[in-house]
Amino acid sequence: MSMKNTRWLSLMILCTGFLLIVVDMTIVNVALPSIQRDLGFSQSSLAWVINGYLIAFGGFLLLAGRLGDLFGRKRIYLVGLAIFIGASVLCGLSFSQPMLVAARFVQGIGGAVSAAVILAMIVTLFPKPDELAKAFGIFSFIASAGAAIGLLAGGLITQSVSWHWIFFVNLPIGVVVAALSVRLLAGDRGIGAGKGADVLGAVLVTVALMLAVYTIVQSSDYGLGSLRTLGLGAVALVLLAAFVVRQALASNPILPLRIFASRKLSAANVVQAFMSAAFFGFFFVASLDLQRVLGYGPMEIGLAFLPVAVVMGLFSVRFSAQLINRFGPFAVLVAGQVVIAVALAMLGLGPTVATYPVHLLLPLGLLGLGGGLSFPSLTIIAMADARPSDSGLASGVLNTTGQVGGALGLAILATLAASRTGSLLHDGATTAAALAGGYHLAWLVGAGTVVVTLGLTLSLLRARTVTAMQVDPAEGEAVA
């Protein structure tokens, strides 16, 4: 097999491993009622089946990305995959609430360790800008399609077998991916721990991020402005500040502050946080709207989201790379953001009880188009200035901002939707109208958030980005 074919096969292996992680984030949502019934969760404690995973995943991404740089990304990827597979089996075997929540926490650690280094491995596999754009397009498609696959698979497996098997299916797939990874992925030694790993910095950033994500996901229960939320948020910020000070003073920091000297990397991470807030919030709110207002079942919800995945996949895999090479990632990112804002605004301004072919199909397709244009371009911009020795770290930072931004956006949009629904119910609206009013407000706020990212992109990412990734068709190399 040629080197070129091996690289693309390696990409497929990495994407399949990432697909396991992405699917797991959504597949559990459909099975929650069955889990609650079998294990006796209360409505409030049931949230920990999701939150336990999110807290661990968001908390360990940055640490895992740097460990990949230090000790070899293939090694860290395989360790994370092994932890994820083992924890999946424990989730499936769970017979009590504490066992399932603990196993989900460990599963989140494994998912973070694997996911944090995948982008860096892709950058290493595809040094040419045209190939890298196509590779990131495929990766973005897998990330978007995984959400829809999770909803479909969750409904099918839970209804036909039991909720335990949504976790057991990770075992055979994960073992095959791990075996192929050992055989086909290129090994790397890493830059080494040198004078010793920054243990204190690792502890500070992991605890700070876990506390921040915990505060965000719990804010929907206690309120964003509650004393508890503000107090825990303040503690998380203090820990993050202590971490920054530590990185400035440490001889071998886990997060060298020099990477933020790149305006493109710093600004791209801010844009990633806001974009993820809008996207995470959309899927969460749209799932509730389809279920509670339109009366869709689990399988119908998954099918309803297919236009997003199909269109996003088509453009990510087939067209995004060509457009990026022709117009540059900056122009394609701007176009994608405009399309996403229009799609969310169409949803937010739609009728209370929408008809799927008339009111939902077009904006969902546009959302997939915008995502297929935006996320590959944003990833290329974010990773463009990273040194080879820091690419795992840059990947971890980008993933972390996406997860934390997404969790914060979900909490804010869910809180706004609930508040609007309560206000409409108090004014005498029907339940369906009140729920729809809350969800539509969340979509409009999401559209406004994307408009903010558009302003940030135009003001902070314009310089040098348009020409940075252009390709000479004759040579296949980047030209200035």
Protein backbone atom coordinates (compact mmCIF):
# COMPACT_ATOMS: atom_id res chain seq x y z
CA MET A 1 0.00 0.00 0.00
CA SER A 2 1.34 3.41 -0.97
CA MET A 3 2.25 6.02 1.62
CA LYS A 4 -0.58 8.25 0.37
CA ASN A 5 -3.18 5.49 0.78
CA THR A 6 -1.78 4.65 4.22
CA ARG A 7 -2.21 8.26 5.34
CA TRP A 8 -5.85 8.36 4.25
CA LEU A 9 -6.49 4.98 5.87
CA SER A 10 -4.91 6.34 9.05
CA LEU A 11 -7.30 9.30 8.85
CA MET A 12 -10.25 6.91 8.59
CA ILE A 13 -9.02 5.04 11.67
CA LEU A 14 -8.63 8.25 13.66
CA CYS A 15 -12.06 9.47 12.55
CA THR A 16 -13.65 6.16 13.52
CA GLY A 17 -12.11 6.45 16.97
CA PHE A 18 -13.43 10.00 17.23
CA LEU A 19 -16.83 8.82 15.99
CA LEU A 20 -17.05 6.47 18.99
CA ILE A 21 -16.53 9.43 21.30
CA VAL A 22 -18.96 11.77 19.51
CA VAL A 23 -21.69 9.13 19.24
CA ASP A 24 -21.39 8.42 22.94
CA MET A 25 -22.17 12.05 23.74
CA THR A 26 -25.64 11.78 22.17
CA ILE A 27 -26.54 8.10 22.23
CA VAL A 28 -27.09 8.21 26.00
CA ASN A 29 -29.70 10.98 25.77
CA VAL A 30 -32.23 8.73 24.06
CA ALA A 31 -31.72 5.97 26.65
CA LEU A 32 -32.09 8.19 29.73
CA PRO A 33 -35.76 7.28 30.43
CA SER A 34 -34.90 3.55 30.41
CA ILE A 35 -31.84 4.12 32.62
CA GLN A 36 -33.94 6.15 35.05
CA ARG A 37 -36.57 3.42 35.26
CA ASP A 38 -34.12 0.52 35.72
CA LEU A 39 -31.73 2.13 38.22
CA GLY A 40 -34.21 4.35 40.06
CA PHE A 41 -32.64 7.73 39.30
CA SER A 42 -34.57 10.82 40.34
CA GLN A 43 -35.05 13.51 37.70
CA SER A 44 -32.28 15.66 39.18
CA SER A 45 -29.80 12.84 39.78
CA LEU A 46 -30.34 11.48 36.26
CA ALA A 47 -28.50 14.51 34.88
CA TRP A 48 -25.28 13.12 36.38
CA VAL A 49 -25.25 10.35 33.78
CA ILE A 50 -24.52 13.17 31.29
CA ASN A 51 -22.72 15.60 33.56
CA GLY A 52 -20.24 13.04 34.90
CA TYR A 53 -18.99 12.48 31.37
CA LEU A 54 -18.95 16.17 30.42
CA ILE A 55 -17.03 17.25 33.52
CA ALA A 56 -14.29 14.68 33.00
CA PHE A 57 -14.13 15.26 29.24
CA GLY A 58 -13.85 19.03 29.52
CA GLY A 59 -11.42 18.86 32.42
CA PHE A 60 -8.84 16.53 30.89
CA LEU A 61 -8.65 17.76 27.27
CA LEU A 62 -5.88 20.31 27.78
CA LEU A 63 -3.76 18.01 29.94
CA ALA A 64 -4.15 15.16 27.48
CA GLY A 65 -3.15 17.32 24.52
CA ARG A 66 0.11 18.31 26.20
CA LEU A 67 0.85 14.74 27.30
CA GLY A 68 0.61 13.78 23.63
CA ASP A 69 3.29 16.34 22.76
CA LEU A 70 5.53 15.13 25.58
CA PHE A 71 5.19 11.35 25.39
CA GLY A 72 3.99 10.63 21.85
CA ARG A 73 0.51 11.16 20.44
CA LYS A 74 -0.02 7.61 19.23
CA ARG A 75 0.78 6.28 22.69
CA ILE A 76 -1.57 8.74 24.41
CA TYR A 77 -4.30 8.09 21.82
CA LEU A 78 -4.15 4.33 22.45
CA VAL A 79 -4.15 4.82 26.23
CA GLY A 80 -7.25 7.00 25.96
CA LEU A 81 -8.95 4.50 23.66
CA ALA A 82 -8.25 1.67 26.11
CA ILE A 83 -9.67 3.69 29.03
CA PHE A 84 -12.76 4.58 26.98
CA ILE A 85 -13.42 0.98 25.92
CA GLY A 86 -12.92 -0.40 29.44
CA ALA A 87 -15.17 2.24 30.97
CA SER A 88 -17.83 1.54 28.31
CA VAL A 89 -17.97 -2.08 29.44
CA LEU A 90 -18.32 -0.97 33.06
CA CYS A 91 -21.16 1.37 32.04
CA GLY A 92 -22.95 -1.52 30.35
CA LEU A 93 -22.49 -3.74 33.41
CA SER A 94 -23.70 -1.07 35.84
CA PHE A 95 -26.36 -2.21 38.28
CA SER A 96 -26.46 0.86 40.53
CA GLN A 97 -26.48 4.63 40.24
CA PRO A 98 -22.99 5.24 41.74
CA MET A 99 -21.43 2.59 39.49
CA LEU A 100 -22.87 4.09 36.30
CA VAL A 101 -21.97 7.69 37.19
CA ALA A 102 -18.42 6.67 38.18
CA ALA A 103 -17.99 4.64 34.98
CA ARG A 104 -19.26 7.58 32.91
CA PHE A 105 -16.69 9.83 34.60
CA VAL A 106 -13.88 7.43 33.67
CA GLN A 107 -15.32 7.14 30.17
CA GLY A 108 -15.11 10.92 29.88
CA ILE A 109 -11.43 10.80 30.82
CA GLY A 110 -10.76 8.19 28.13
CA GLY A 111 -12.69 10.18 25.54
CA ALA A 112 -10.76 13.34 26.36
CA VAL A 113 -7.35 11.63 26.24
CA SER A 114 -8.08 10.20 22.79
CA ALA A 115 -9.85 13.22 21.31
CA ALA A 116 -7.24 15.73 22.48
CA VAL A 117 -4.47 14.43 20.20
CA ILE A 118 -6.45 13.50 17.08
CA LEU A 119 -6.24 16.93 15.42
CA ALA A 120 -2.50 17.07 16.01
CA MET A 121 -2.07 13.63 14.43
CA ILE A 122 -4.06 14.76 11.39
CA VAL A 123 -1.84 17.85 11.02
CA THR A 124 1.22 15.58 11.05
CA LEU A 125 -0.29 13.19 8.50
CA PHE A 126 -1.15 15.92 5.97
CA PRO A 127 1.49 18.65 5.73
CA LYS A 128 0.18 19.99 2.38
CA PRO A 129 -2.53 22.64 2.79
CA ASP A 130 -4.87 21.20 0.11
CA GLU A 131 -4.80 17.73 1.65
CA LEU A 132 -5.09 19.13 5.16
CA ALA A 133 -8.22 21.07 4.19
CA LYS A 134 -9.82 17.91 2.83
CA ALA A 135 -8.78 15.92 5.90
CA PHE A 136 -10.27 18.52 8.26
CA GLY A 137 -13.43 18.46 6.16
CA ILE A 138 -13.77 14.71 6.69
CA PHE A 139 -13.06 15.14 10.40
CA SER A 140 -15.73 17.85 10.71
CA PHE A 141 -18.23 15.61 8.92
CA ILE A 142 -17.56 12.79 11.36
CA ALA A 143 -18.05 15.18 14.28
CA SER A 144 -21.40 16.41 12.94
CA ALA A 145 -22.67 13.05 11.70
CA GLY A 146 -21.85 11.45 15.04
CA ALA A 147 -24.58 13.43 16.77
CA ALA A 148 -27.26 12.21 14.39
CA ILE A 149 -25.92 8.64 14.41
CA GLY A 150 -26.00 8.68 18.21
CA LEU A 151 -29.65 9.70 18.28
CA LEU A 152 -30.62 7.04 15.72
CA ALA A 153 -28.54 4.27 17.27
CA GLY A 154 -29.69 5.13 20.78
CA GLY A 155 -33.33 4.81 19.84
CA LEU A 156 -32.81 1.61 17.85
CA ILE A 157 -30.66 -0.20 20.42
CA THR A 158 -32.70 0.87 23.45
CA GLN A 159 -35.99 -0.13 21.85
CA SER A 160 -34.80 -3.45 20.37
CA VAL A 161 -32.42 -4.71 23.10
CA SER A 162 -31.74 -2.62 26.23
CA TRP A 163 -29.89 0.51 27.31
CA HIS A 164 -26.92 -1.60 28.47
CA TRP A 165 -26.02 -2.30 24.83
CA ILE A 166 -25.52 1.34 23.90
CA PHE A 167 -22.30 0.95 25.89
CA PHE A 168 -21.44 -2.66 24.98
CA VAL A 169 -21.33 -1.86 21.24
CA ASN A 170 -18.23 0.25 21.90
CA LEU A 171 -16.26 -2.90 22.80
CA PRO A 172 -16.02 -4.68 19.41
CA ILE A 173 -15.71 -1.45 17.44
CA GLY A 174 -13.14 -0.04 19.86
CA VAL A 175 -11.04 -3.21 19.83
CA VAL A 176 -10.92 -3.22 16.02
CA VAL A 177 -9.99 0.50 15.94
CA ALA A 178 -7.28 -0.06 18.56
CA ALA A 179 -5.81 -3.03 16.66
CA LEU A 180 -5.73 -1.10 13.38
CA SER A 181 -4.25 1.91 15.16
CA VAL A 182 -1.40 -0.14 16.59
CA ARG A 183 -0.64 -1.57 13.16
CA LEU A 184 -1.12 1.40 10.86
CA LEU A 185 -0.70 4.68 12.74
CA ALA A 186 2.81 6.11 12.57
CA GLY A 187 4.59 6.20 15.90
CA ASP A 188 6.14 9.32 17.39
CA ARG A 189 8.49 9.70 20.33
CA GLY A 190 7.27 13.04 21.63
CA ILE A 191 9.54 15.82 22.80
CA GLY A 192 10.03 14.20 26.21
CA ALA A 193 9.33 15.41 29.71
CA GLY A 194 12.74 17.15 29.80
CA LYS A 195 13.32 18.53 33.28
CA GLY A 196 10.09 17.02 34.48
CA ALA A 197 6.42 17.48 33.81
CA ASP A 198 4.65 20.44 35.35
CA VAL A 199 2.64 18.44 37.89
CA LEU A 200 1.33 21.48 39.75
CA GLY A 201 0.21 23.13 36.51
CA ALA A 202 -1.49 19.91 35.41
CA VAL A 203 -3.40 19.68 38.69
CA LEU A 204 -4.41 23.35 38.62
CA VAL A 205 -5.74 23.37 35.06
CA THR A 206 -7.54 20.03 35.36
CA VAL A 207 -9.27 20.96 38.61
CA ALA A 208 -10.09 24.45 37.31
CA LEU A 209 -11.63 23.16 34.07
CA MET A 210 -13.56 20.40 35.83
CA LEU A 211 -14.94 22.90 38.33
CA ALA A 212 -15.80 25.35 35.54
CA VAL A 213 -17.69 22.72 33.54
CA TYR A 214 -19.38 21.45 36.72
CA THR A 215 -20.51 24.99 37.53
CA ILE A 216 -21.83 25.50 34.01
CA VAL A 217 -23.81 22.25 33.78
CA GLN A 218 -25.31 22.77 37.25
CA SER A 219 -26.27 26.38 36.54
CA SER A 220 -29.43 25.20 34.77
CA ASP A 221 -30.66 23.90 38.15
CA TYR A 222 -29.45 26.73 40.40
CA GLY A 223 -29.53 29.68 37.98
CA LEU A 224 -26.68 31.54 36.29
CA GLY A 225 -26.93 34.42 38.76
CA SER A 226 -27.24 32.33 41.94
CA LEU A 227 -24.76 32.73 44.79
CA ARG A 228 -23.70 29.10 44.38
CA THR A 229 -22.98 29.45 40.65
CA LEU A 230 -21.14 32.75 41.09
CA GLY A 231 -19.11 31.42 44.02
CA LEU A 232 -17.99 28.24 42.25
CA GLY A 233 -17.31 30.24 39.10
CA ALA A 234 -15.12 32.62 41.06
CA VAL A 235 -13.14 29.71 42.53
CA ALA A 236 -12.65 28.26 39.04
CA LEU A 237 -11.40 31.64 37.77
CA VAL A 238 -8.97 31.93 40.69
CA LEU A 239 -7.60 28.47 39.91
CA LEU A 240 -7.24 29.39 36.24
CA ALA A 241 -5.42 32.59 37.20
CA ALA A 242 -3.09 30.60 39.45
CA PHE A 243 -2.49 28.23 36.54
CA VAL A 244 -1.56 31.12 34.22
CA VAL A 245 0.89 32.47 36.83
CA ARG A 246 2.37 29.01 37.22
CA GLN A 247 2.84 28.68 33.45
CA ALA A 248 4.64 32.02 33.32
CA LEU A 249 7.09 30.91 36.04
CA ALA A 250 7.55 27.17 35.37
CA SER A 251 10.67 26.03 33.51
CA ASN A 252 8.75 23.31 31.66
CA PRO A 253 5.11 24.48 31.59
CA ILE A 254 2.29 22.22 30.49
CA LEU A 255 0.82 25.16 28.54
CA PRO A 256 3.59 27.39 27.19
CA LEU A 257 2.06 30.85 27.04
CA ARG A 258 3.98 31.53 23.83
CA ILE A 259 1.28 29.78 21.79
CA PHE A 260 -1.09 32.66 22.57
CA ALA A 261 1.34 35.06 20.92
CA SER A 262 -0.36 33.95 17.71
CA ARG A 263 -3.34 36.24 17.23
CA LYS A 264 -4.90 33.73 14.85
CA LEU A 265 -4.75 30.91 17.39
CA SER A 266 -6.09 33.04 20.25
CA ALA A 267 -8.89 34.61 18.21
CA ALA A 268 -9.82 31.31 16.58
CA ASN A 269 -10.31 29.76 20.01
CA VAL A 270 -12.65 32.59 21.02
CA VAL A 271 -14.62 32.10 17.80
CA GLN A 272 -14.66 28.34 18.44
CA ALA A 273 -16.17 28.88 21.89
CA PHE A 274 -18.99 31.08 20.57
CA MET A 275 -19.68 28.87 17.55
CA SER A 276 -19.83 25.78 19.75
CA ALA A 277 -22.20 27.57 22.13
CA ALA A 278 -24.63 28.16 19.26
CA PHE A 279 -24.30 24.62 17.83
CA PHE A 280 -24.52 22.74 21.15
CA GLY A 281 -27.49 24.86 22.13
CA PHE A 282 -29.20 24.26 18.79
CA PHE A 283 -29.13 20.45 19.01
CA PHE A 284 -30.24 20.42 22.64
CA VAL A 285 -33.11 22.88 22.15
CA ALA A 286 -34.17 21.38 18.80
CA SER A 287 -34.37 17.91 20.37
CA LEU A 288 -36.71 19.27 23.04
CA ASP A 289 -38.81 21.13 20.47
CA LEU A 290 -39.20 18.05 18.27
CA GLN A 291 -40.12 15.92 21.27
CA ARG A 292 -42.27 18.18 23.44
CA VAL A 293 -43.92 20.46 20.86
CA LEU A 294 -44.09 18.34 17.71
CA GLY A 295 -44.41 14.96 19.49
CA TYR A 296 -41.52 13.17 17.73
CA GLY A 297 -40.17 9.89 19.10
CA PRO A 298 -36.47 8.95 19.46
CA MET A 299 -36.12 7.53 15.95
CA GLU A 300 -38.02 10.44 14.40
CA ILE A 301 -35.75 12.96 16.15
CA GLY A 302 -32.66 11.27 14.78
CA LEU A 303 -34.12 11.21 11.26
CA ALA A 304 -35.13 14.86 11.56
CA PHE A 305 -31.50 15.86 12.12
CA LEU A 306 -30.21 13.92 9.10
CA PRO A 307 -30.27 16.96 6.75
CA VAL A 308 -27.76 18.69 9.03
CA ALA A 309 -25.42 15.70 8.95
CA VAL A 310 -25.86 14.89 5.25
CA VAL A 311 -25.34 18.45 3.96
CA MET A 312 -22.52 19.13 6.41
CA GLY A 313 -20.88 15.86 5.40
CA LEU A 314 -21.26 16.57 1.69
CA PHE A 315 -19.59 19.96 1.93
CA SER A 316 -17.01 18.91 4.52
CA VAL A 317 -15.83 15.95 2.47
CA ARG A 318 -16.44 17.06 -1.12
CA PHE A 319 -16.50 20.84 -1.47
CA SER A 320 -15.00 22.61 1.56
CA ALA A 321 -11.40 21.73 0.71
CA GLN A 322 -11.82 23.03 -2.85
CA LEU A 323 -13.43 26.26 -1.64
CA ILE A 324 -10.74 26.78 1.02
CA ASN A 325 -7.97 26.25 -1.53
CA ARG A 326 -9.70 28.62 -3.97
CA PHE A 327 -10.77 31.43 -1.63
CA GLY A 328 -8.82 30.81 1.59
CA PRO A 329 -10.16 29.65 4.99
CA PHE A 330 -11.05 33.20 6.09
CA ALA A 331 -13.54 33.81 3.27
CA VAL A 332 -15.07 30.34 3.61
CA LEU A 333 -15.41 30.78 7.39
CA VAL A 334 -17.21 34.11 6.94
CA ALA A 335 -19.61 32.60 4.39
CA GLY A 336 -20.34 29.68 6.70
CA GLN A 337 -21.06 31.94 9.65
CA VAL A 338 -23.52 34.02 7.60
CA VAL A 339 -25.37 30.86 6.52
CA ILE A 340 -25.55 29.54 10.10
CA ALA A 341 -26.92 32.85 11.40
CA VAL A 342 -29.58 32.88 8.67
CA ALA A 343 -30.57 29.27 9.43
CA LEU A 344 -30.96 29.86 13.17
CA ALA A 345 -32.90 33.07 12.54
CA MET A 346 -35.29 31.17 10.23
CA LEU A 347 -35.90 28.63 12.97
CA GLY A 348 -36.37 31.29 15.61
CA LEU A 349 -38.88 33.24 13.50
CA GLY A 350 -40.82 30.15 12.42
CA PRO A 351 -44.35 29.21 13.55
CA THR A 352 -45.16 27.69 16.94
CA VAL A 353 -46.14 24.32 15.49
CA ALA A 354 -43.85 23.84 12.52
CA THR A 355 -44.41 21.54 9.56
CA TYR A 356 -41.16 19.70 8.90
CA PRO A 357 -41.00 19.87 5.06
CA VAL A 358 -42.16 23.50 4.97
CA HIS A 359 -40.57 25.12 8.02
CA LEU A 360 -37.66 22.92 9.19
CA LEU A 361 -36.09 21.12 6.24
CA LEU A 362 -34.53 24.20 4.59
CA PRO A 363 -33.02 25.81 7.73
CA LEU A 364 -31.67 22.43 8.89
CA GLY A 365 -30.02 21.94 5.50
CA LEU A 366 -28.60 25.48 5.66
CA LEU A 367 -27.26 24.77 9.14
CA GLY A 368 -25.41 21.76 7.76
CA LEU A 369 -24.06 23.89 4.91
CA GLY A 370 -22.82 26.55 7.32
CA GLY A 371 -21.19 24.00 9.58
CA GLY A 372 -19.55 22.24 6.64
CA LEU A 373 -18.01 25.53 5.54
CA SER A 374 -17.13 26.99 8.93
CA PHE A 375 -15.58 24.33 11.12
CA PRO A 376 -12.92 22.95 8.72
CA SER A 377 -11.87 26.54 7.94
CA LEU A 378 -11.73 27.53 11.59
CA THR A 379 -9.66 24.45 12.47
CA ILE A 380 -7.13 25.24 9.73
CA ILE A 381 -6.83 28.85 10.93
CA ALA A 382 -6.39 27.77 14.55
CA MET A 383 -3.70 25.19 13.81
CA ALA A 384 -1.82 27.19 11.15
CA ASP A 385 0.71 28.87 13.46
CA ALA A 386 1.26 26.00 15.90
CA ARG A 387 4.78 24.60 16.06
CA PRO A 388 5.03 20.86 15.35
CA SER A 389 6.06 20.31 18.99
CA ASP A 390 2.97 22.25 20.17
CA SER A 391 0.35 20.91 17.76
CA GLY A 392 -1.05 18.47 20.32
CA LEU A 393 -1.37 21.31 22.79
CA ALA A 394 -3.04 23.55 20.21
CA SER A 395 -5.44 20.71 19.40
CA GLY A 396 -6.24 20.25 23.08
CA VAL A 397 -6.84 23.98 23.56
CA LEU A 398 -9.17 24.11 20.54
CA ASN A 399 -11.14 21.08 21.76
CA THR A 400 -11.30 22.51 25.27
CA THR A 401 -12.66 25.88 24.18
CA GLY A 402 -15.23 24.06 22.05
CA GLN A 403 -16.40 21.86 24.93
CA VAL A 404 -16.44 24.59 27.58
CA GLY A 405 -18.04 27.09 25.20
CA GLY A 406 -20.62 24.49 24.17
CA ALA A 407 -21.46 23.63 27.77
CA LEU A 408 -21.79 27.30 28.70
CA GLY A 409 -23.94 28.04 25.65
CA LEU A 410 -26.18 25.07 26.35
CA ALA A 411 -26.69 26.17 29.96
CA ILE A 412 -27.43 29.79 28.99
CA LEU A 413 -29.80 28.91 26.14
CA ALA A 414 -31.61 26.29 28.22
CA THR A 415 -32.03 28.80 31.04
CA LEU A 416 -33.32 31.51 28.68
CA ALA A 417 -35.74 29.07 27.06
CA ALA A 418 -37.08 27.91 30.43
CA SER A 419 -37.47 31.49 31.65
CA ARG A 420 -39.33 32.52 28.51
CA THR A 421 -41.59 29.47 28.73
CA GLY A 422 -42.43 30.23 32.35
CA SER A 423 -43.26 33.84 31.48
CA LEU A 424 -45.55 32.79 28.63
CA LEU A 425 -47.32 30.22 30.81
CA HIS A 426 -47.87 32.91 33.43
CA ASP A 427 -49.45 35.11 30.75
CA GLY A 428 -51.92 32.36 29.85
CA ALA A 429 -50.31 30.76 26.79
CA THR A 430 -50.88 27.09 26.05
CA THR A 431 -48.14 24.64 27.03
CA ALA A 432 -47.13 24.03 23.40
CA ALA A 433 -47.03 27.74 22.61
CA ALA A 434 -45.07 28.52 25.78
CA LEU A 435 -42.49 25.78 25.10
CA ALA A 436 -42.12 26.83 21.46
CA GLY A 437 -41.72 30.46 22.51
CA GLY A 438 -38.84 29.53 24.79
CA TYR A 439 -37.11 27.39 22.18
CA HIS A 440 -37.51 30.04 19.47
CA LEU A 441 -35.95 32.64 21.73
CA ALA A 442 -32.98 30.33 22.27
CA TRP A 443 -32.52 29.96 18.50
CA LEU A 444 -32.64 33.72 18.00
CA VAL A 445 -30.03 34.21 20.73
CA GLY A 446 -27.95 31.51 19.02
CA ALA A 447 -28.23 33.44 15.74
CA GLY A 448 -27.07 36.57 17.55
CA THR A 449 -24.14 34.64 19.00
CA VAL A 450 -23.04 33.60 15.51
CA VAL A 451 -23.30 37.24 14.38
CA VAL A 452 -20.90 38.07 17.23
CA THR A 453 -18.47 35.41 15.95
CA LEU A 454 -18.76 36.95 12.49
CA GLY A 455 -17.71 40.32 13.91
CA LEU A 456 -14.80 38.70 15.76
CA THR A 457 -13.72 36.90 12.59
CA LEU A 458 -13.81 40.06 10.48
CA SER A 459 -11.92 42.11 13.06
CA LEU A 460 -9.37 39.59 14.36
CA LEU A 461 -8.77 36.92 11.73
CA ARG A 462 -8.64 38.92 8.50
CA ALA A 463 -4.92 39.74 8.52
CA ARG A 464 -2.79 37.25 6.59
CA THR A 465 -5.41 34.50 6.83
CA VAL A 466 -6.72 34.79 3.29
CA THR A 467 -3.35 34.10 1.73
CA ALA A 468 -1.92 31.85 4.40
CA MET A 469 -3.53 28.67 3.09
CA GLN A 470 -3.76 29.31 -0.65
CA VAL A 471 -2.35 26.54 -2.79
CA ASP A 472 -0.46 26.64 -6.04
CA PRO A 473 -2.36 24.03 -8.12
CA ALA A 474 0.76 23.17 -10.09
CA GLU A 475 2.94 22.55 -7.08
CA GLY A 476 0.48 21.60 -4.35
CA GLU A 477 2.33 23.81 -1.89
CA ALA A 478 1.19 26.79 0.16
CA VAL A 479 2.03 30.16 -1.29
CA ALA A 480 2.01 33.55 0.36
